[in-house]
Structure formats: C-alpha cells, structure tokens
Amino acid sequence: MVYGGVSRAVKTLRAVSASHLPVFPPTQATKSSFDPQTWGQLQPPPSTALSAFAHRIGLGAVLTDTDDILKACTHPSILSLAPSSSSQPIETNAHLSTLGNALMGLFATEYVNATYPYLPTRVLKAAVTAHVGPQSCANAALEMGAVPLLRWAPKASSSAVSWTPQTPAVQRTDALASIPRALTALVYHHRSLPSARQFVHSYFLLSRQVDVRSMIKFVDPKKALKEMVAKFGRDPPKSRLLKETGRFSNSPVFVVGIYSGEDKLGEGFGASLKMAEYRAAEASLLAVYLTRRPPDDLNLPTDTFPRGLGDIFAEDAENEGDYLPPDLPHAEVMYASGGRSGRIASEAS
C-alpha cells in the first residue's frame, strides 16, 4: 500500500515542477491516505514562473514580491483541499479580488457613461459587464498566460468545514476571473489609483470592442420614440413615405422616414409599410442612444488625480489635472420593453 502511494506521487512529477521542492516524494507519501492529485494542486508554482508572469504583463516594476503574485493567483476554493493541521496557512486572493472588482466597476462605469451619455441604465449595466464582467476577466487571464499559475479546486472537498452536498462547484471561469481583479487591487495598493486605472483601461476598456447596439432591444419603438421626442421638447414624430417600388408585385420595398418638424430623425425600409416604419423608429432611437463622445473629447473624473505616488487628497494645483464636468443629459426615456420573462415592463431595456 505504501509503495502504491509513492508510485502515484511520482507520476505527479510531470505536472509539478520539482526544481523548487526540497524533497520528493514528500513524507506524506508514506501514508495510505496520501492523495497525490490533491498534493499536486496545493504546490505553489516556481518563483521564476511568477516573476516571468509579472514581467510579461508589464508589472515587473510594480510587483517585485513573488508572494503577492502567488496570492493573486490563488483562488479561495483551494482552502478546501488544505489539511486542517497545516502549520502554514494558504493566503488567497479573496480580499484582493473583492477590492479589484469594485475598482474595475468604477473605472468601467465612468468610461461607458462618459462615452455613451444617453445610454439607458439597463444597457449601461450590460455594457459595463461586457467590459469587466467574469467572462471578460477570464479571457484576459487566458491572454496573460495565467492558467499554469492558477491554484483552485473545481469542487470543494467533503472534509472542508463549510462544505455541504448543496455546495456548487467552482467554475474555472470564476477562478480565472479573480486573477485580473486581484492584480488591479495590487497595483492600487503598491502604486496609486491612477496606476490601477491605467491598468484597467489598457487591458479591458481601450483594447476591447463591445457591441452596444446588440444590447438595445425594442418592443414598441414608435411609442418609445414618441416619448423621447416629447422629453426633448420637440415636435411629435411623423412618418412619411419616401420611396417605394413593386407595390403590386411579390417583393415590394418601401422606404419610410420619420420627421420631427423639418428634421429627419431616421429612415428604414421593409417589405411592408409597417415594417419600414418600425425600422425607421428603431433607427431614430439608436441614433440618440448610440451617440458617442469622441475619444479626444473624453473627460473622466479620475483624470484629476495626480500621477505617481503622491497623495491624491493633497491640494497641489500643479499636479492635479483640470476637469470640466460635461453637461448632464436628460433623464432616460422610460418606455415599454420586454425583460427576460417576456412581460412588458416600464423600464428601458
């Protein structure tokens, strides 16, 4: 029985680098209860791999201590595999991930809100999630090459104190997503808030394109357009037939434009007047909701923070940036839209 445990431990040598291990096989291999797979999951990656990871993502000058990088790559689920008698507790990224998630939400919300000032609230939340949500963070961790450094447990061990049969399994996506969040918190801790903002902008906001248009859905665009035009104090929208062809054929085409006074708000085409009018109203709404402020004209509140390691609350006019707050847009237009349940609600989708 002892030799079987040793042989299984030796097989894990291919999965765990032995260069940083003092003795292999470990002394636990002589016990019949030794699980080589669990032992392999608990082993930290080599310090050289951690240091190379920090330099690969451009944080070699910030994260000089490999213990911080190891903590950022250790998901709390690994604690379920650690023996209760261990003299050295495992440090996880639980607190770092929570702090980094809040910082990323702040940076992404102000960026999306400043870029699309007329976006409905629900679409704004969806766009923020698309930029810094769990799937985006997991994809960023894959691009960083953090997979070999991740320490996690797919399913909590039955020996864990908080384990119950109803405890859900930890998804690999959630475990990977915790790494970029923890890295954001470490940059904020070791440098400054502007440095953390620069890290999030580089990896999640400026380098990724999010299709905001696909997030906006309409149930009754004509009603929504009528309410929006009234909100801005404009003349009620009116539909006009601009072009048509093949009215009495099998494939007619109608082009309808919607006007508010003398200004054309949008136009659409379709095989029927109703379809063309629907698309024209939809195009008019999207022209407003997808109004995007040019990147050169983008002014964020966090731009005022001084660069470097200084005190962000110090009254230093030379280091603090100038900030001209933009005009607040009108309150979002509330219109009938369908949620996931399919029922009509009085909120913007």
Protein backbone atom coordinates (compact mmCIF):
# COMPACT_ATOMS: atom_id res chain seq x y z
CA MET A 1 0.00 0.00 0.00
CA VAL A 2 2.87 2.34 0.80
CA TYR A 3 4.66 1.61 -2.46
CA GLY A 4 1.43 2.27 -4.38
CA GLY A 5 1.13 5.73 -2.83
CA VAL A 6 4.75 6.52 -3.66
CA SER A 7 4.32 5.42 -7.26
CA ARG A 8 1.26 7.62 -7.66
CA ALA A 9 3.17 10.55 -6.17
CA VAL A 10 6.00 10.05 -8.62
CA LYS A 11 3.52 10.29 -11.51
CA THR A 12 2.64 13.83 -10.44
CA LEU A 13 6.22 14.90 -11.09
CA ARG A 14 5.31 15.73 -14.67
CA ALA A 15 2.57 18.13 -13.52
CA VAL A 16 4.51 19.81 -10.68
CA SER A 17 7.91 21.35 -11.14
CA ALA A 18 10.32 19.63 -8.75
CA SER A 19 13.00 22.31 -9.02
CA HIS A 20 11.56 24.26 -6.12
CA LEU A 21 10.70 21.28 -3.92
CA PRO A 22 13.13 20.39 -1.12
CA VAL A 23 12.33 16.67 -1.06
CA PHE A 24 10.41 14.50 -3.49
CA PRO A 25 8.48 12.31 -2.91
CA PRO A 26 7.15 14.11 0.18
CA THR A 27 6.99 12.48 3.57
CA GLN A 28 3.20 12.23 3.29
CA ALA A 29 3.64 9.67 0.51
CA THR A 30 4.38 7.00 3.12
CA LYS A 31 0.81 7.27 4.44
CA SER A 32 -2.00 5.23 2.99
CA SER A 33 -4.30 8.30 2.91
CA PHE A 34 -1.93 10.30 0.71
CA ASP A 35 -3.63 11.76 -2.39
CA PRO A 36 -1.04 12.79 -4.98
CA GLN A 37 -3.53 14.80 -7.04
CA THR A 38 -4.53 16.94 -4.07
CA TRP A 39 -0.90 17.33 -3.07
CA GLY A 40 -0.03 18.49 -6.57
CA GLN A 41 -2.82 21.09 -6.58
CA LEU A 42 -1.56 22.56 -3.31
CA GLN A 43 2.01 23.07 -4.54
CA PRO A 44 2.83 26.68 -5.47
CA PRO A 45 4.33 27.41 -8.88
CA PRO A 46 8.07 28.24 -9.06
CA SER A 47 9.07 31.78 -8.18
CA THR A 48 10.69 32.11 -11.59
CA ALA A 49 7.35 31.48 -13.28
CA LEU A 50 5.67 34.07 -11.06
CA SER A 51 8.35 36.66 -11.81
CA ALA A 52 8.16 35.95 -15.53
CA PHE A 53 4.38 36.39 -15.41
CA ALA A 54 4.72 39.83 -13.76
CA HIS A 55 7.17 41.00 -16.43
CA ARG A 56 5.04 39.53 -19.23
CA ILE A 57 2.02 41.66 -18.28
CA GLY A 58 4.11 44.80 -17.74
CA LEU A 59 4.03 44.82 -13.93
CA GLY A 60 7.57 43.68 -13.26
CA ALA A 61 8.49 47.05 -11.74
CA VAL A 62 5.35 47.14 -9.57
CA LEU A 63 5.01 43.56 -8.31
CA THR A 64 8.54 42.78 -7.21
CA ASP A 65 7.50 40.31 -4.48
CA THR A 66 6.55 36.91 -5.91
CA ASP A 67 4.44 36.21 -2.82
CA ASP A 68 2.00 38.90 -3.92
CA ILE A 69 1.71 37.34 -7.37
CA LEU A 70 1.20 33.91 -5.81
CA LYS A 71 -1.59 35.31 -3.64
CA ALA A 72 -3.24 36.92 -6.66
CA CYS A 73 -3.26 33.54 -8.48
CA THR A 74 -4.66 31.55 -5.53
CA HIS A 75 -8.45 31.19 -5.51
CA PRO A 76 -10.20 30.71 -2.12
CA SER A 77 -11.55 27.34 -3.26
CA ILE A 78 -8.08 25.85 -2.73
CA LEU A 79 -8.61 26.08 1.03
CA SER A 80 -10.97 23.11 0.85
CA LEU A 81 -8.03 20.90 -0.12
CA ALA A 82 -5.61 22.16 2.53
CA PRO A 83 -5.31 19.92 5.61
CA SER A 84 -6.55 21.45 8.84
CA SER A 85 -3.27 20.55 10.58
CA SER A 86 -1.15 22.60 8.17
CA SER A 87 1.25 24.91 10.00
CA GLN A 88 1.44 27.39 7.09
CA PRO A 89 -1.98 28.76 6.10
CA ILE A 90 -2.56 29.41 2.41
CA GLU A 91 -3.15 33.06 1.50
CA THR A 92 -5.82 33.56 -1.18
CA ASN A 93 -6.97 36.45 -3.33
CA ALA A 94 -10.40 36.72 -1.69
CA HIS A 95 -9.95 40.26 -0.37
CA LEU A 96 -7.87 41.41 -3.33
CA SER A 97 -10.46 40.15 -5.80
CA THR A 98 -13.27 41.98 -4.00
CA LEU A 99 -11.34 45.26 -3.96
CA GLY A 100 -10.25 44.88 -7.58
CA ASN A 101 -13.80 44.13 -8.69
CA ALA A 102 -15.02 47.38 -7.11
CA LEU A 103 -12.22 49.38 -8.75
CA MET A 104 -12.83 47.85 -12.16
CA GLY A 105 -16.54 48.57 -11.85
CA LEU A 106 -15.77 52.21 -11.03
CA PHE A 107 -13.41 52.69 -13.97
CA ALA A 108 -15.66 50.88 -16.45
CA THR A 109 -18.84 52.68 -15.33
CA GLU A 110 -17.37 56.16 -15.65
CA TYR A 111 -15.82 55.29 -19.02
CA VAL A 112 -19.01 53.85 -20.55
CA ASN A 113 -21.17 56.59 -19.06
CA ALA A 114 -18.91 59.32 -20.46
CA THR A 115 -18.61 57.61 -23.86
CA TYR A 116 -22.37 56.99 -24.30
CA PRO A 117 -24.11 59.76 -22.29
CA TYR A 118 -27.65 58.86 -23.45
CA LEU A 119 -27.48 55.13 -22.88
CA PRO A 120 -30.37 53.62 -20.86
CA THR A 121 -29.45 52.39 -17.39
CA ARG A 122 -30.02 48.72 -18.11
CA VAL A 123 -27.89 48.86 -21.25
CA LEU A 124 -25.22 50.77 -19.32
CA LYS A 125 -25.02 47.96 -16.78
CA ALA A 126 -24.84 45.36 -19.54
CA ALA A 127 -22.03 47.27 -21.27
CA VAL A 128 -20.05 47.52 -18.03
CA THR A 129 -20.45 43.77 -17.51
CA ALA A 130 -19.30 43.13 -21.06
CA HIS A 131 -16.12 45.12 -20.39
CA VAL A 132 -15.14 43.90 -16.91
CA GLY A 133 -17.51 41.02 -16.17
CA PRO A 134 -16.48 37.47 -15.21
CA GLN A 135 -16.12 36.23 -18.78
CA SER A 136 -14.05 39.24 -19.85
CA CYS A 137 -11.78 38.89 -16.82
CA ALA A 138 -11.35 35.18 -17.51
CA ASN A 139 -10.46 35.88 -21.14
CA ALA A 140 -7.91 38.47 -20.02
CA ALA A 141 -6.36 35.92 -17.65
CA LEU A 142 -6.06 33.47 -20.56
CA GLU A 143 -4.37 36.12 -22.70
CA MET A 144 -1.98 36.93 -19.84
CA GLY A 145 -0.94 33.28 -19.60
CA ALA A 146 -2.13 32.90 -16.01
CA VAL A 147 -3.62 29.42 -16.43
CA PRO A 148 -0.48 27.46 -15.31
CA LEU A 149 -0.26 29.66 -12.20
CA LEU A 150 -3.87 29.32 -11.10
CA ARG A 151 -4.46 27.36 -7.90
CA TRP A 152 -8.08 26.35 -7.34
CA ALA A 153 -10.31 23.41 -6.55
CA PRO A 154 -13.10 22.62 -9.03
CA LYS A 155 -15.24 21.07 -6.30
CA ALA A 156 -14.93 21.63 -2.59
CA SER A 157 -13.66 18.64 -0.63
CA SER A 158 -16.10 16.85 1.66
CA SER A 159 -13.64 17.40 4.50
CA ALA A 160 -13.99 21.19 4.28
CA VAL A 161 -15.73 22.81 7.19
CA SER A 162 -18.19 24.81 5.08
CA TRP A 163 -18.85 22.03 2.59
CA THR A 164 -22.40 20.73 2.11
CA PRO A 165 -23.84 18.44 -0.55
CA GLN A 166 -25.60 21.52 -2.00
CA THR A 167 -22.35 23.50 -2.31
CA PRO A 168 -21.99 24.42 -6.00
CA ALA A 169 -18.84 23.57 -7.86
CA VAL A 170 -16.40 26.37 -8.57
CA GLN A 171 -16.28 27.17 -12.26
CA ARG A 172 -12.91 27.58 -13.94
CA THR A 173 -14.10 30.88 -15.43
CA ASP A 174 -14.79 32.32 -11.97
CA ALA A 175 -11.41 31.18 -10.69
CA LEU A 176 -9.58 32.74 -13.64
CA ALA A 177 -11.60 35.95 -13.35
CA SER A 178 -10.28 36.52 -9.84
CA ILE A 179 -6.69 36.95 -11.11
CA PRO A 180 -7.10 40.23 -13.08
CA ARG A 181 -9.23 41.62 -10.27
CA ALA A 182 -6.56 40.79 -7.70
CA LEU A 183 -3.87 42.29 -9.93
CA THR A 184 -5.85 45.53 -10.14
CA ALA A 185 -6.01 45.67 -6.35
CA LEU A 186 -2.27 45.02 -6.06
CA VAL A 187 -1.46 47.83 -8.49
CA TYR A 188 -3.73 50.12 -6.49
CA HIS A 189 -2.08 49.04 -3.24
CA HIS A 190 1.54 49.32 -4.37
CA ARG A 191 1.23 52.38 -6.62
CA SER A 192 -1.83 54.61 -6.83
CA LEU A 193 -5.38 54.87 -8.06
CA PRO A 194 -4.34 56.37 -11.43
CA SER A 195 -1.98 53.43 -11.97
CA ALA A 196 -4.79 50.96 -11.32
CA ARG A 197 -6.99 52.97 -13.69
CA GLN A 198 -4.32 52.80 -16.39
CA PHE A 199 -4.05 49.03 -15.94
CA VAL A 200 -7.83 48.54 -16.33
CA HIS A 201 -8.02 50.88 -19.33
CA SER A 202 -5.16 49.08 -21.06
CA TYR A 203 -6.48 45.55 -20.61
CA PHE A 204 -10.27 45.97 -20.60
CA LEU A 205 -11.55 49.31 -21.92
CA LEU A 206 -9.35 50.65 -24.70
CA SER A 207 -8.27 47.31 -26.16
CA ARG A 208 -11.71 45.69 -26.47
CA GLN A 209 -14.69 46.46 -28.68
CA VAL A 210 -18.15 45.86 -27.22
CA ASP A 211 -21.21 45.74 -29.48
CA VAL A 212 -23.50 48.05 -27.52
CA ARG A 213 -26.09 48.13 -30.30
CA SER A 214 -26.99 44.47 -29.84
CA MET A 215 -27.83 45.15 -26.18
CA ILE A 216 -30.66 47.56 -27.05
CA LYS A 217 -33.98 45.85 -27.77
CA PHE A 218 -37.33 47.44 -28.52
CA VAL A 219 -40.87 46.14 -28.17
CA ASP A 220 -42.66 49.26 -29.41
CA PRO A 221 -40.10 51.66 -30.94
CA LYS A 222 -42.82 54.03 -32.17
CA LYS A 223 -44.07 54.58 -28.63
CA ALA A 224 -40.53 54.90 -27.30
CA LEU A 225 -39.66 57.45 -30.00
CA LYS A 226 -42.78 59.48 -29.22
CA GLU A 227 -41.85 59.65 -25.55
CA MET A 228 -38.23 60.51 -26.29
CA VAL A 229 -39.14 63.35 -28.67
CA ALA A 230 -41.56 64.75 -26.08
CA LYS A 231 -38.80 64.53 -23.47
CA PHE A 232 -36.59 66.81 -25.54
CA GLY A 233 -39.45 69.23 -26.27
CA ARG A 234 -39.55 68.54 -30.00
CA ASP A 235 -42.49 68.24 -32.38
CA PRO A 236 -44.26 64.86 -32.39
CA PRO A 237 -42.71 62.38 -34.86
CA LYS A 238 -44.49 61.82 -38.16
CA SER A 239 -43.88 59.08 -40.71
CA ARG A 240 -43.53 59.85 -44.40
CA LEU A 241 -43.23 57.52 -47.35
CA LEU A 242 -40.02 58.44 -49.16
CA LYS A 243 -39.71 55.77 -51.86
CA GLU A 244 -41.45 52.63 -52.98
CA THR A 245 -41.12 50.04 -55.68
CA GLY A 246 -43.11 46.96 -56.68
CA ARG A 247 -46.20 47.76 -54.60
CA PHE A 248 -48.30 45.25 -56.53
CA SER A 249 -45.55 42.67 -57.01
CA ASN A 250 -44.42 39.74 -54.86
CA SER A 251 -41.41 41.64 -53.48
CA PRO A 252 -42.32 45.26 -52.75
CA VAL A 253 -39.88 47.61 -51.00
CA PHE A 254 -40.93 50.68 -49.03
CA VAL A 255 -38.67 53.36 -47.57
CA VAL A 256 -40.15 55.36 -44.70
CA GLY A 257 -38.65 58.38 -42.96
CA ILE A 258 -39.64 59.77 -39.57
CA TYR A 259 -39.54 63.53 -39.10
CA SER A 260 -39.83 65.87 -36.14
CA GLY A 261 -40.82 69.14 -37.72
CA GLU A 262 -38.38 69.63 -40.60
CA ASP A 263 -35.65 67.41 -39.14
CA LYS A 264 -35.43 63.81 -40.27
CA LEU A 265 -34.77 61.53 -37.30
CA GLY A 266 -34.24 58.31 -39.21
CA GLU A 267 -35.39 56.09 -42.01
CA GLY A 268 -35.98 52.40 -42.63
CA PHE A 269 -37.04 50.01 -45.36
CA GLY A 270 -39.17 46.89 -45.44
CA ALA A 271 -41.49 44.70 -47.42
CA SER A 272 -44.45 46.50 -45.88
CA LEU A 273 -45.18 50.00 -44.66
CA LYS A 274 -45.47 48.75 -41.08
CA MET A 275 -42.06 47.04 -41.19
CA ALA A 276 -40.42 50.10 -42.75
CA GLU A 277 -41.97 52.38 -40.14
CA TYR A 278 -40.81 50.05 -37.35
CA ARG A 279 -37.22 50.10 -38.63
CA ALA A 280 -37.30 53.87 -39.12
CA ALA A 281 -38.38 54.38 -35.49
CA GLU A 282 -35.71 51.95 -34.32
CA ALA A 283 -33.02 53.75 -36.31
CA SER A 284 -34.14 57.08 -34.82
CA LEU A 285 -33.82 55.74 -31.29
CA LEU A 286 -30.41 54.18 -31.92
CA ALA A 287 -29.15 57.45 -33.37
CA VAL A 288 -29.71 59.00 -29.94
CA TYR A 289 -28.79 56.13 -27.63
CA LEU A 290 -25.58 55.32 -29.52
CA THR A 291 -24.39 58.92 -29.61
CA ARG A 292 -20.72 58.55 -28.78
CA ARG A 293 -18.44 61.24 -27.47
CA PRO A 294 -15.13 61.37 -29.42
CA PRO A 295 -12.18 59.83 -27.54
CA ASP A 296 -10.24 63.11 -27.76
CA ASP A 297 -13.12 64.91 -26.03
CA LEU A 298 -13.50 62.29 -23.30
CA ASN A 299 -13.07 63.80 -19.83
CA LEU A 300 -13.28 61.47 -16.85
CA PRO A 301 -13.47 62.43 -13.18
CA THR A 302 -10.45 60.25 -12.36
CA ASP A 303 -8.37 62.33 -14.76
CA THR A 304 -7.99 64.87 -11.98
CA PHE A 305 -5.94 62.56 -9.76
CA PRO A 306 -2.22 63.40 -9.77
CA ARG A 307 0.13 60.93 -11.39
CA GLY A 308 2.72 58.99 -9.47
CA LEU A 309 2.81 58.08 -5.81
CA GLY A 310 1.59 61.36 -4.37
CA ASP A 311 -1.34 61.93 -2.05
CA ILE A 312 -4.48 62.24 -4.15
CA PHE A 313 -6.11 64.37 -1.44
CA ALA A 314 -3.28 66.92 -1.30
CA GLU A 315 -4.12 70.39 -2.61
CA ASP A 316 -1.49 70.51 -5.30
CA ALA A 317 -2.75 72.52 -8.25
CA GLU A 318 0.37 71.80 -10.29
CA ASN A 319 -0.08 68.03 -10.26
CA GLU A 320 -3.85 67.84 -10.26
CA GLY A 321 -5.39 67.71 -13.70
CA ASP A 322 -8.06 70.07 -14.98
CA TYR A 323 -11.58 68.70 -15.15
CA LEU A 324 -14.55 70.31 -16.82
CA PRO A 325 -17.67 68.30 -15.97
CA PRO A 326 -19.84 67.65 -19.04
CA ASP A 327 -23.47 68.67 -19.19
CA LEU A 328 -25.74 66.13 -17.59
CA PRO A 329 -28.03 64.51 -20.19
CA HIS A 330 -31.76 64.33 -19.85
CA ALA A 331 -33.19 61.58 -17.71
CA GLU A 332 -33.52 58.36 -19.65
CA VAL A 333 -36.73 57.78 -21.51
CA MET A 334 -38.90 55.12 -19.91
CA TYR A 335 -40.69 53.02 -22.46
CA ALA A 336 -42.32 49.63 -22.67
CA SER A 337 -39.79 46.89 -23.19
CA GLY A 338 -39.69 43.17 -22.56
CA GLY A 339 -37.42 41.59 -19.99
CA ARG A 340 -36.25 38.01 -19.80
CA SER A 341 -39.66 36.85 -18.68
CA GLY A 342 -41.28 38.29 -21.80
CA ARG A 343 -43.68 40.54 -19.90
CA ILE A 344 -43.92 44.23 -20.68
CA ALA A 345 -42.23 46.45 -18.11
CA SER A 346 -41.95 50.22 -17.82
CA GLU A 347 -38.16 50.27 -17.93
CA ALA A 348 -35.62 50.86 -20.64
CA SER A 349 -34.09 47.67 -21.96
